[in-house]
C-alpha atoms as a PDB file:
ATOM      1  CA  UNK A   1      41.769  85.634  77.214  1.00  0.00           C
ATOM      2  CA  UNK A   2      41.080  86.563  73.202  1.00  0.00           C
ATOM      3  CA  UNK A   3      42.779  83.770  70.307  1.00  0.00           C
ATOM      4  CA  UNK A   4      44.418  86.187  69.169  1.00  0.00           C
ATOM      5  CA  UNK A   5      46.627  86.963  72.517  1.00  0.00           C
ATOM      6  CA  UNK A   6      46.570  83.546  73.142  1.00  0.00           C
ATOM      7  CA  UNK A   7      47.945  82.228  69.586  1.00  0.00           C
ATOM      8  CA  UNK A   8      50.447  85.733  70.743  1.00  0.00           C
ATOM      9  CA  UNK A   9      51.494  83.909  74.033  1.00  0.00           C
ATOM     10  CA  UNK A  10      51.593  80.351  72.645  1.00  0.00           C
ATOM     11  CA  UNK A  11      54.330  81.935  69.558  1.00  0.00           C
ATOM     12  CA  UNK A  12      56.258  83.773  71.974  1.00  0.00           C
ATOM     13  CA  UNK A  13      56.569  81.038  74.547  1.00  0.00           C
ATOM     14  CA  UNK A  14      57.485  78.920  71.945  1.00  0.00           C
ATOM     15  CA  UNK A  15      60.297  81.116  69.898  1.00  0.00           C
ATOM     16  CA  UNK A  16      61.915  81.568  73.705  1.00  0.00           C
ATOM     17  CA  UNK A  17      61.666  77.874  73.560  1.00  0.00           C
ATOM     18  CA  UNK A  18      63.873  77.639  70.467  1.00  0.00           C
ATOM     19  CA  UNK A  19      65.999  80.253  72.081  1.00  0.00           C
ATOM     20  CA  UNK A  20      66.902  78.067  74.367  1.00  0.00           C
ATOM     21  CA  UNK A  21      67.304  74.608  72.891  1.00  0.00           C
ATOM     22  CA  UNK A  22      69.326  76.301  69.990  1.00  0.00           C
ATOM     23  CA  UNK A  23      71.393  77.912  72.948  1.00  0.00           C
ATOM     24  CA  UNK A  24      72.015  74.574  75.441  1.00  0.00           C
ATOM     25  CA  UNK A  25      72.592  72.010  71.597  1.00  0.00           C
ATOM     26  CA  UNK A  26      74.632  74.870  69.954  1.00  0.00           C
ATOM     27  CA  UNK A  27      79.128  73.946  70.776  1.00  0.00           C
ATOM     28  CA  UNK A  28      78.725  76.731  72.967  1.00  0.00           C
ATOM     29  CA  UNK A  29      80.345  79.384  71.933  1.00  0.00           C
ATOM     30  CA  UNK A  30      78.799  82.541  70.790  1.00  0.00           C
ATOM     31  CA  UNK A  31      81.384  85.809  70.426  1.00  0.00           C
ATOM     32  CA  UNK A  32      83.843  85.513  71.659  1.00  0.00           C
ATOM     33  CA  UNK A  33      83.073  82.891  75.002  1.00  0.00           C
ATOM     34  CA  UNK A  34      83.080  79.461  74.782  1.00  0.00           C
ATOM     35  CA  UNK A  35      80.057  79.152  78.323  1.00  0.00           C
ATOM     36  CA  UNK A  36      78.272  76.418  80.139  1.00  0.00           C
ATOM     37  CA  UNK A  37      74.638  76.568  80.659  1.00  0.00           C
ATOM     38  CA  UNK A  38      73.700  76.305  84.160  1.00  0.00           C
ATOM     39  CA  UNK A  39      69.976  75.183  83.993  1.00  0.00           C
ATOM     40  CA  UNK A  40      69.439  74.991  87.642  1.00  0.00           C
ATOM     41  CA  UNK A  41      68.937  77.968  87.595  1.00  0.00           C
ATOM     42  CA  UNK A  42      69.224  79.337  83.521  1.00  0.00           C
ATOM     43  CA  UNK A  43      72.734  81.329  84.489  1.00  0.00           C
ATOM     44  CA  UNK A  44      76.084  81.140  82.622  1.00  0.00           C
ATOM     45  CA  UNK A  45      79.875  79.949  83.624  1.00  0.00           C
ATOM     46  CA  UNK A  46      81.807  81.383  81.091  1.00  0.00           C
ATOM     47  CA  UNK A  47      84.865  78.688  80.264  1.00  0.00           C
ATOM     48  CA  UNK A  48      86.974  80.066  77.417  1.00  0.00           C
ATOM     49  CA  UNK A  49      87.849  83.562  76.135  1.00  0.00           C
ATOM     50  CA  UNK A  50      88.479  82.684  72.131  1.00  0.00           C
ATOM     51  CA  UNK A  51      88.917  86.667  70.948  1.00  0.00           C
ATOM     52  CA  UNK A  52      91.899  88.697  70.106  1.00  0.00           C
ATOM     53  CA  UNK A  53      91.281  91.653  71.846  1.00  0.00           C
ATOM     54  CA  UNK A  54      94.092  93.357  74.440  1.00  0.00           C
ATOM     55  CA  UNK A  55      91.455  95.141  75.756  1.00  0.00           C
ATOM     56  CA  UNK A  56      88.738  93.181  77.572  1.00  0.00           C
ATOM     57  CA  UNK A  57      84.862  94.851  79.673  1.00  0.00           C
ATOM     58  CA  UNK A  58      83.802  91.904  81.617  1.00  0.00           C
ATOM     59  CA  UNK A  59      80.550  91.228  80.996  1.00  0.00           C
ATOM     60  CA  UNK A  60      77.398  90.776  82.630  1.00  0.00           C
ATOM     61  CA  UNK A  61      75.508  88.471  80.048  1.00  0.00           C
ATOM     62  CA  UNK A  62      75.610  86.008  77.524  1.00  0.00           C
ATOM     63  CA  UNK A  63      72.726  86.382  75.000  1.00  0.00           C
ATOM     64  CA  UNK A  64      69.931  86.177  77.921  1.00  0.00           C
ATOM     65  CA  UNK A  65      71.397  84.758  80.281  1.00  0.00           C
ATOM     66  CA  UNK A  66      73.263  86.244  83.002  1.00  0.00           C
ATOM     67  CA  UNK A  67      77.140  85.391  84.026  1.00  0.00           C
ATOM     68  CA  UNK A  68      76.894  83.764  87.299  1.00  0.00           C
ATOM     69  CA  UNK A  69      80.968  81.971  87.363  1.00  0.00           C
ATOM     70  CA  UNK A  70      83.604  82.290  85.140  1.00  0.00           C
ATOM     71  CA  UNK A  71      86.323  79.775  85.062  1.00  0.00           C
ATOM     72  CA  UNK A  72      89.781  79.829  86.068  1.00  0.00           C
ATOM     73  CA  UNK A  73      90.769  78.863  82.406  1.00  0.00           C
ATOM     74  CA  UNK A  74      88.648  81.851  80.825  1.00  0.00           C
ATOM     75  CA  UNK A  75      91.287  84.332  81.185  1.00  0.00           C
ATOM     76  CA  UNK A  76      93.583  82.856  82.345  1.00  0.00           C
ATOM     77  CA  UNK A  77      94.142  81.108  79.393  1.00  0.00           C
ATOM     78  CA  UNK A  78      94.837  84.101  76.755  1.00  0.00           C
ATOM     79  CA  UNK A  79      97.077  84.572  75.098  1.00  0.00           C
ATOM     80  CA  UNK A  80      96.172  88.685  73.891  1.00  0.00           C
ATOM     81  CA  UNK A  81      94.063  90.292  76.729  1.00  0.00           C
ATOM     82  CA  UNK A  82      96.825  92.607  79.101  1.00  0.00           C
ATOM     83  CA  UNK A  83      94.181  94.979  80.009  1.00  0.00           C
ATOM     84  CA  UNK A  84      90.098  93.783  82.188  1.00  0.00           C
ATOM     85  CA  UNK A  85      88.442  96.541  82.899  1.00  0.00           C
ATOM     86  CA  UNK A  86      85.128  95.957  85.930  1.00  0.00           C
ATOM     87  CA  UNK A  87      81.754  97.485  85.632  1.00  0.00           C
ATOM     88  CA  UNK A  88      80.235  98.089  88.581  1.00  0.00           C
ATOM     89  CA  UNK A  89      76.958  95.959  88.345  1.00  0.00           C
ATOM     90  CA  UNK A  90      79.233  92.181  87.983  1.00  0.00           C
ATOM     91  CA  UNK A  91      78.661  89.874  90.091  1.00  0.00           C
ATOM     92  CA  UNK A  92      81.217  86.865  89.984  1.00  0.00           C
ATOM     93  CA  UNK A  93      84.333  86.510  90.578  1.00  0.00           C
ATOM     94  CA  UNK A  94      87.781  86.260  88.098  1.00  0.00           C
ATOM     95  CA  UNK A  95      90.692  83.861  88.884  1.00  0.00           C
ATOM     96  CA  UNK A  96      94.186  85.396  86.948  1.00  0.00           C
ATOM     97  CA  UNK A  97      97.017  82.973  87.506  1.00  0.00           C
ATOM     98  CA  UNK A  98     100.405  82.721  85.423  1.00  0.00           C
ATOM     99  CA  UNK A  99      99.489  85.065  82.216  1.00  0.00           C
ATOM    100  CA  UNK A 100     102.338  86.753  81.403  1.00  0.00           C
ATOM    101  CA  UNK A 101     100.687  88.966  78.826  1.00  0.00           C
ATOM    102  CA  UNK A 102      98.319  90.098  81.699  1.00  0.00           C
ATOM    103  CA  UNK A 103      99.330  93.716  82.865  1.00  0.00           C
ATOM    104  CA  UNK A 104      96.176  95.880  83.936  1.00  0.00           C
ATOM    105  CA  UNK A 105      93.011  96.093  85.977  1.00  0.00           C
ATOM    106  CA  UNK A 106      90.673  98.612  86.324  1.00  0.00           C
ATOM    107  CA  UNK A 107      87.632  98.486  88.355  1.00  0.00           C
ATOM    108  CA  UNK A 108      84.914 101.143  87.556  1.00  0.00           C
ATOM    109  CA  UNK A 109      83.450 104.061  89.977  1.00  0.00           C
ATOM    110  CA  UNK A 110      80.310 103.276  91.560  1.00  0.00           C
ATOM    111  CA  UNK A 111      82.403  99.128  92.803  1.00  0.00           C
ATOM    112  CA  UNK A 112      82.096  99.111  96.946  1.00  0.00           C
ATOM    113  CA  UNK A 113      84.750  95.675  96.747  1.00  0.00           C
ATOM    114  CA  UNK A 114      86.984  93.752  94.085  1.00  0.00           C
ATOM    115  CA  UNK A 115      86.206  90.926  92.457  1.00  0.00           C
ATOM    116  CA  UNK A 116      89.291  89.914  90.161  1.00  0.00           C
ATOM    117  CA  UNK A 117      92.271  87.223  91.699  1.00  0.00           C
ATOM    118  CA  UNK A 118      95.319  88.046  90.873  1.00  0.00           C
ATOM    119  CA  UNK A 119      98.417  84.850  91.339  1.00  0.00           C
ATOM    120  CA  UNK A 120     101.749  84.526  89.734  1.00  0.00           C
ATOM    121  CA  UNK A 121     101.729  86.971  87.144  1.00  0.00           C
ATOM    122  CA  UNK A 122     104.780  87.706  86.143  1.00  0.00           C
ATOM    123  CA  UNK A 123     103.954  91.505  83.947  1.00  0.00           C
ATOM    124  CA  UNK A 124     100.845  92.655  85.967  1.00  0.00           C
ATOM    125  CA  UNK A 125     102.243  96.110  86.802  1.00  0.00           C
ATOM    126  CA  UNK A 126      98.549  97.799  87.903  1.00  0.00           C
ATOM    127  CA  UNK A 127      96.040  98.022  89.005  1.00  0.00           C
ATOM    128  CA  UNK A 128      93.118 100.901  89.791  1.00  0.00           C
ATOM    129  CA  UNK A 129      90.854 100.811  92.750  1.00  0.00           C
ATOM    130  CA  UNK A 130      87.975 103.505  92.518  1.00  0.00           C
ATOM    131  CA  UNK A 131      87.307 106.080  95.239  1.00  0.00           C
ATOM    132  CA  UNK A 132      83.818 104.446  97.112  1.00  0.00           C
ATOM    133  CA  UNK A 133      85.414 101.391  97.316  1.00  0.00           C
ATOM    134  CA  UNK A 134      85.114 100.411 100.686  1.00  0.00           C
ATOM    135  CA  UNK A 135      86.928  96.311 100.616  1.00  0.00           C
ATOM    136  CA  UNK A 136      89.793  94.868  98.837  1.00  0.00           C
ATOM    137  CA  UNK A 137      88.899  91.187  99.226  1.00  0.00           C
ATOM    138  CA  UNK A 138      90.828  89.244  96.959  1.00  0.00           C
ATOM    139  CA  UNK A 139      94.504  88.607  96.957  1.00  0.00           C
ATOM    140  CA  UNK A 140      96.703  89.867  94.433  1.00  0.00           C
ATOM    141  CA  UNK A 141     100.277  87.926  94.645  1.00  0.00           C
ATOM    142  CA  UNK A 142     103.269  86.848  93.496  1.00  0.00           C
ATOM    143  CA  UNK A 143     103.764  90.255  90.915  1.00  0.00           C
ATOM    144  CA  UNK A 144     106.958  91.045  91.804  1.00  0.00           C
ATOM    145  CA  UNK A 145     105.702  94.048  88.858  1.00  0.00           C
ATOM    146  CA  UNK A 146     102.916  95.415  91.292  1.00  0.00           C
ATOM    147  CA  UNK A 147     104.891  98.194  92.704  1.00  0.00           C
ATOM    148  CA  UNK A 148     103.144 101.722  92.953  1.00  0.00           C
ATOM    149  CA  UNK A 149      99.068 100.488  94.093  1.00  0.00           C
ATOM    150  CA  UNK A 150      96.894 103.511  95.530  1.00  0.00           C
ATOM    151  CA  UNK A 151      94.138 102.232  98.300  1.00  0.00           C
ATOM    152  CA  UNK A 152      91.274 104.875  98.089  1.00  0.00           C
ATOM    153  CA  UNK A 153      90.431 106.687 101.354  1.00  0.00           C
ATOM    154  CA  UNK A 154      87.530 105.021 100.914  1.00  0.00           C
ATOM    155  CA  UNK A 155      88.685 101.543 101.374  1.00  0.00           C
ATOM    156  CA  UNK A 156      88.120 100.545 104.993  1.00  0.00           C
ATOM    157  CA  UNK A 157      88.711  96.649 105.241  1.00  0.00           C
ATOM    158  CA  UNK A 158      92.091  94.606 103.583  1.00  0.00           C
ATOM    159  CA  UNK A 159      91.007  90.850 103.252  1.00  0.00           C
ATOM    160  CA  UNK A 160      95.136  90.047 101.660  1.00  0.00           C
ATOM    161  CA  UNK A 161      98.061  91.192 101.859  1.00  0.00           C
ATOM    162  CA  UNK A 162      99.640  91.654  98.593  1.00  0.00           C
ATOM    163  CA  UNK A 163     102.319  88.603  99.202  1.00  0.00           C
ATOM    164  CA  UNK A 164     105.443  88.971  97.057  1.00  0.00           C
ATOM    165  CA  UNK A 165     104.680  91.331  94.882  1.00  0.00           C
ATOM    166  CA  UNK A 166     106.912  95.616  94.206  1.00  0.00           C
ATOM    167  CA  UNK A 167     104.603  96.974  96.391  1.00  0.00           C
ATOM    168  CA  UNK A 168     105.091  94.722  99.244  1.00  0.00           C
ATOM    169  CA  UNK A 169     108.793  94.534  98.575  1.00  0.00           C
ATOM    170  CA  UNK A 170     109.291  98.254  98.972  1.00  0.00           C
ATOM    171  CA  UNK A 171     107.085  98.934 102.264  1.00  0.00           C
ATOM    172  CA  UNK A 172     109.132  96.218 104.525  1.00  0.00           C
ATOM    173  CA  UNK A 173     111.603  99.383 105.267  1.00  0.00           C
ATOM    174  CA  UNK A 174     107.964 100.403 107.442  1.00  0.00           C
ATOM    175  CA  UNK A 175     107.526  99.200 111.088  1.00  0.00           C
ATOM    176  CA  UNK A 176     103.920 100.409 110.381  1.00  0.00           C
ATOM    177  CA  UNK A 177     101.945 100.940 106.482  1.00  0.00           C
ATOM    178  CA  UNK A 178      98.613 102.736 107.078  1.00  0.00           C
ATOM    179  CA  UNK A 179      96.033 103.093 104.003  1.00  0.00           C
ATOM    180  CA  UNK A 180      93.059 103.984 103.174  1.00  0.00           C
ATOM    181  CA  UNK A 181      90.546 104.738 106.348  1.00  0.00           C
ATOM    182  CA  UNK A 182      93.179 103.891 109.321  1.00  0.00           C
ATOM    183  CA  UNK A 183      93.900 100.392 107.643  1.00  0.00           C
ATOM    184  CA  UNK A 184      97.272  98.738 109.058  1.00  0.00           C
ATOM    185  CA  UNK A 185      98.364  97.234 105.885  1.00  0.00           C
ATOM    186  CA  UNK A 186     101.913  95.994 106.663  1.00  0.00           C
ATOM    187  CA  UNK A 187     103.960  95.385 109.784  1.00  0.00           C
ATOM    188  CA  UNK A 188     107.208  95.574 110.032  1.00  0.00           C
ATOM    189  CA  UNK A 189     108.072  95.085 113.861  1.00  0.00           C
ATOM    190  CA  UNK A 190     108.720  92.119 116.514  1.00  0.00           C
ATOM    191  CA  UNK A 191     106.582  89.498 116.770  1.00  0.00           C
ATOM    192  CA  UNK A 192     106.941  88.698 120.361  1.00  0.00           C
ATOM    193  CA  UNK A 193     104.640  91.575 121.873  1.00  0.00           C
ATOM    194  CA  UNK A 194     102.675  93.127 118.975  1.00  0.00           C
ATOM    195  CA  UNK A 195     101.673  96.929 119.025  1.00  0.00           C
ATOM    196  CA  UNK A 196      98.778  98.090 117.012  1.00  0.00           C
ATOM    197  CA  UNK A 197      99.137 102.067 117.237  1.00  0.00           C
ATOM    198  CA  UNK A 198      96.423 104.503 118.218  1.00  0.00           C
ATOM    199  CA  UNK A 199      94.994 106.076 114.798  1.00  0.00           C
ATOM    200  CA  UNK A 200      95.254 102.720 113.062  1.00  0.00           C
ATOM    201  CA  UNK A 201      90.932 101.760 112.826  1.00  0.00           C
ATOM    202  CA  UNK A 202      91.435  97.875 111.583  1.00  0.00           C
ATOM    203  CA  UNK A 203      94.217  95.657 110.649  1.00  0.00           C
ATOM    204  CA  UNK A 204      95.573  93.117 108.271  1.00  0.00           C
ATOM    205  CA  UNK A 205      95.102  89.998 110.365  1.00  0.00           C
ATOM    206  CA  UNK A 206      97.268  88.255 107.473  1.00  0.00           C
ATOM    207  CA  UNK A 207      99.842  90.591 107.334  1.00  0.00           C
ATOM    208  CA  UNK A 208     100.083  91.223 111.108  1.00  0.00           C
ATOM    209  CA  UNK A 209      99.633  87.814 112.512  1.00  0.00           C
ATOM    210  CA  UNK A 210     100.985  85.826 110.369  1.00  0.00           C
ATOM    211  CA  UNK A 211      99.647  82.888 107.819  1.00  0.00           C
ATOM    212  CA  UNK A 212     100.273  80.421 109.896  1.00  0.00           C
ATOM    213  CA  UNK A 213     100.235  79.150 113.977  1.00  0.00           C
ATOM    214  CA  UNK A 214     103.091  81.852 115.767  1.00  0.00           C
ATOM    215  CA  UNK A 215     104.411  80.307 118.084  1.00  0.00           C
ATOM    216  CA  UNK A 216     106.246  83.443 118.366  1.00  0.00           C
ATOM    217  CA  UNK A 217     103.734  86.445 119.298  1.00  0.00           C
ATOM    218  CA  UNK A 218     102.628  86.553 122.787  1.00  0.00           C
ATOM    219  CA  UNK A 219     100.444  89.165 122.933  1.00  0.00           C
ATOM    220  CA  UNK A 220      98.603  91.715 121.247  1.00  0.00           C
ATOM    221  CA  UNK A 221      98.035  95.134 122.679  1.00  0.00           C
ATOM    222  CA  UNK A 222      95.043  97.163 120.641  1.00  0.00           C
ATOM    223  CA  UNK A 223      94.089 100.841 120.215  1.00  0.00           C
ATOM    224  CA  UNK A 224      91.031 102.319 121.204  1.00  0.00           C
ATOM    225  CA  UNK A 225      90.878 103.654 117.802  1.00  0.00           C
ATOM    226  CA  UNK A 226      90.159 100.152 116.339  1.00  0.00           C
ATOM    227  CA  UNK A 227      86.492  99.794 115.212  1.00  0.00           C
ATOM    228  CA  UNK A 228      87.184  96.270 113.144  1.00  0.00           C
ATOM    229  CA  UNK A 229      87.908  92.956 115.971  1.00  0.00           C
ATOM    230  CA  UNK A 230      90.878  91.198 114.321  1.00  0.00           C
ATOM    231  CA  UNK A 231      89.870  87.699 113.156  1.00  0.00           C
ATOM    232  CA  UNK A 232      92.671  85.882 113.934  1.00  0.00           C
ATOM    233  CA  UNK A 233      94.450  84.595 117.099  1.00  0.00           C
ATOM    234  CA  UNK A 234      95.968  81.118 118.371  1.00  0.00           C
ATOM    235  CA  UNK A 235      95.993  79.557 121.122  1.00  0.00           C
ATOM    236  CA  UNK A 236      99.252  80.920 122.155  1.00  0.00           C
ATOM    237  CA  UNK A 237      98.057  84.358 122.265  1.00  0.00           C
ATOM    238  CA  UNK A 238      96.016  87.179 124.591  1.00  0.00           C
ATOM    239  CA  UNK A 239      95.036  89.894 122.730  1.00  0.00           C
ATOM    240  CA  UNK A 240      93.589  92.804 124.513  1.00  0.00           C
ATOM    241  CA  UNK A 241      91.386  95.746 123.809  1.00  0.00           C
ATOM    242  CA  UNK A 242      90.533  98.256 125.678  1.00  0.00           C
ATOM    243  CA  UNK A 243      86.778  99.838 126.210  1.00  0.00           C
ATOM    244  CA  UNK A 244      85.888  99.771 122.346  1.00  0.00           C
ATOM    245  CA  UNK A 245      82.227 100.290 122.551  1.00  0.00           C
ATOM    246  CA  UNK A 246      82.040 100.951 118.626  1.00  0.00           C
ATOM    247  CA  UNK A 247      83.317  98.427 117.198  1.00  0.00           C
ATOM    248  CA  UNK A 248      82.087  95.597 114.908  1.00  0.00           C
ATOM    249  CA  UNK A 249      83.048  92.316 113.396  1.00  0.00           C
ATOM    250  CA  UNK A 250      83.170  89.639 111.185  1.00  0.00           C
ATOM    251  CA  UNK A 251      83.547  85.913 111.189  1.00  0.00           C
ATOM    252  CA  UNK A 252      85.723  85.342 114.106  1.00  0.00           C
ATOM    253  CA  UNK A 253      85.501  81.571 113.982  1.00  0.00           C
ATOM    254  CA  UNK A 254      89.936  81.325 113.829  1.00  0.00           C
ATOM    255  CA  UNK A 255      89.906  83.032 117.073  1.00  0.00           C
ATOM    256  CA  UNK A 256      91.349  80.764 119.451  1.00  0.00           C
ATOM    257  CA  UNK A 257      93.186  83.490 121.244  1.00  0.00           C
ATOM    258  CA  UNK A 258      92.591  84.820 125.009  1.00  0.00           C
ATOM    259  CA  UNK A 259      90.972  88.177 125.120  1.00  0.00           C
ATOM    260  CA  UNK A 260      91.732  90.510 127.405  1.00  0.00           C
ATOM    261  CA  UNK A 261      89.807  94.222 127.758  1.00  0.00           C
ATOM    262  CA  UNK A 262      88.000  95.731 130.850  1.00  0.00           C
ATOM    263  CA  UNK A 263      84.773  94.200 132.065  1.00  0.00           C
ATOM    264  CA  UNK A 264      81.446  95.255 130.388  1.00  0.00           C
ATOM    265  CA  UNK A 265      82.705  96.390 126.905  1.00  0.00           C
ATOM    266  CA  UNK A 266      81.427  95.791 124.022  1.00  0.00           C
ATOM    267  CA  UNK A 267      84.807  92.913 123.381  1.00  0.00           C
ATOM    268  CA  UNK A 268      83.452  91.156 126.262  1.00  0.00           C
ATOM    269  CA  UNK A 269      79.516  90.049 124.670  1.00  0.00           C
ATOM    270  CA  UNK A 270      81.870  89.306 121.232  1.00  0.00           C
ATOM    271  CA  UNK A 271      83.384  87.201 123.031  1.00  0.00           C
ATOM    272  CA  UNK A 272      80.608  85.304 124.924  1.00  0.00           C
ATOM    273  CA  UNK A 273      77.988  85.641 121.770  1.00  0.00           C
ATOM    274  CA  UNK A 274      81.433  83.994 119.663  1.00  0.00           C
ATOM    275  CA  UNK A 275      82.417  81.768 122.698  1.00  0.00           C
ATOM    276  CA  UNK A 276      86.021  83.539 122.434  1.00  0.00           C
ATOM    277  CA  UNK A 277      87.952  82.714 126.146  1.00  0.00           C
ATOM    278  CA  UNK A 278      87.487  86.304 127.187  1.00  0.00           C
ATOM    279  CA  UNK A 279      89.845  87.799 130.807  1.00  0.00           C
ATOM    280  CA  UNK A 280      88.989  91.303 132.077  1.00  0.00           C
ATOM    281  CA  UNK A 281      91.836  93.583 131.841  1.00  0.00           C
ATOM    282  CA  UNK A 282      93.595  94.488 135.165  1.00  0.00           C
ATOM    283  CA  UNK A 283      94.173  98.581 135.571  1.00  0.00           C
ATOM    284  CA  UNK A 284      97.910  98.245 135.230  1.00  0.00           C
ATOM    285  CA  UNK A 285      97.475  96.448 132.580  1.00  0.00           C
ATOM    286  CA  UNK A 286      94.760  98.816 130.526  1.00  0.00           C
ATOM    287  CA  UNK A 287      97.273 101.565 131.281  1.00  0.00           C
ATOM    288  CA  UNK A 288     100.529  99.774 129.601  1.00  0.00           C
ATOM    289  CA  UNK A 289      98.214  99.030 126.923  1.00  0.00           C
ATOM    290  CA  UNK A 290      97.337 102.655 126.282  1.00  0.00           C
ATOM    291  CA  UNK A 291     101.033 104.104 126.865  1.00  0.00           C
ATOM    292  CA  UNK A 292     102.517 101.297 124.276  1.00  0.00           C
ATOM    293  CA  UNK A 293      99.776 102.009 121.817  1.00  0.00           C
ATOM    294  CA  UNK A 294     100.239 105.709 121.759  1.00  0.00           C
ATOM    295  CA  UNK A 295     104.257 105.807 121.753  1.00  0.00           C
ATOM    296  CA  UNK A 296     103.812 103.767 118.880  1.00  0.00           C
ATOM    297  CA  UNK A 297     101.543 106.223 116.962  1.00  0.00           C
ATOM    298  CA  UNK A 298     104.318 108.747 115.907  1.00  0.00           C
ATOM    299  CA  UNK A 299     106.341 105.287 113.753  1.00  0.00           C
ATOM    300  CA  UNK A 300     103.467 105.569 111.715  1.00  0.00           C
ATOM    301  CA  UNK A 301     103.943 105.753 107.451  1.00  0.00           C
ATOM    302  CA  UNK A 302     100.614 107.286 105.890  1.00  0.00           C
ATOM    303  CA  UNK A 303      99.824 106.210 102.522  1.00  0.00           C
ATOM    304  CA  UNK A 304      98.806 109.507 101.540  1.00  0.00           C
ATOM    305  CA  UNK A 305     101.815 111.155 102.899  1.00  0.00           C
ATOM    306  CA  UNK A 306     104.439 109.758 101.035  1.00  0.00           C
END
């Protein structure tokens, strides 16, 4: 290595070191954010938003450091932010709780999954999910003004059920409310015997089975159209599948129920692989399941047909 190159390399290294030391020892503020450096992986945790803007686009970096975490207080405590825009390259989660100023959340086109939780924000009234989003896995709850939500047809899974929002309240009279790519989001039928209609591809478990042990539910009939296994099931329940061969699954550790399906189907293998009690369904039981699920299809309310 030439002497000039060596001097340049040393100088560059010193500059980077000085920048790092400066950032580590300054009072923790850059622009509108108070931050904390995570020395282990040289990433940033945002601790507080100190700006006065009413609309904010979530940042990916502070200086040369990538943002990895955001404290609950960062946006929950803001007195000015009314709208947050989420770019498609944001990788961290955001929690906004009990903020009466916050009103709107927009995900930019290109995002496949959401990343913001909004809970108990009484003036929060609008979410924009872009076409192409595939999973809504975060929670939007306790927001009474949140009513008009459009779930894109591309969404294949919804984890939470918009509990205590204007959206869920407006659909309490719909026995089956289906959104996105065949997701049963709201169920307002009997709990003792639950019939999931033919045409449903995925089920919001929390809405159908409940958030806590449901002693009331005894049996759940599932349609042939289902392409995602239920991820919850309590010990007192029997869940009856058809001969679904094109079906996937996530975390099944919360399935404590008995699962019935035709012998030799993919459901039997999934149960064995996940230590779930499996019983072979009788021909008569399968006929009853098919009749019930097909009959229930006429009771579905589809969001895109409203």
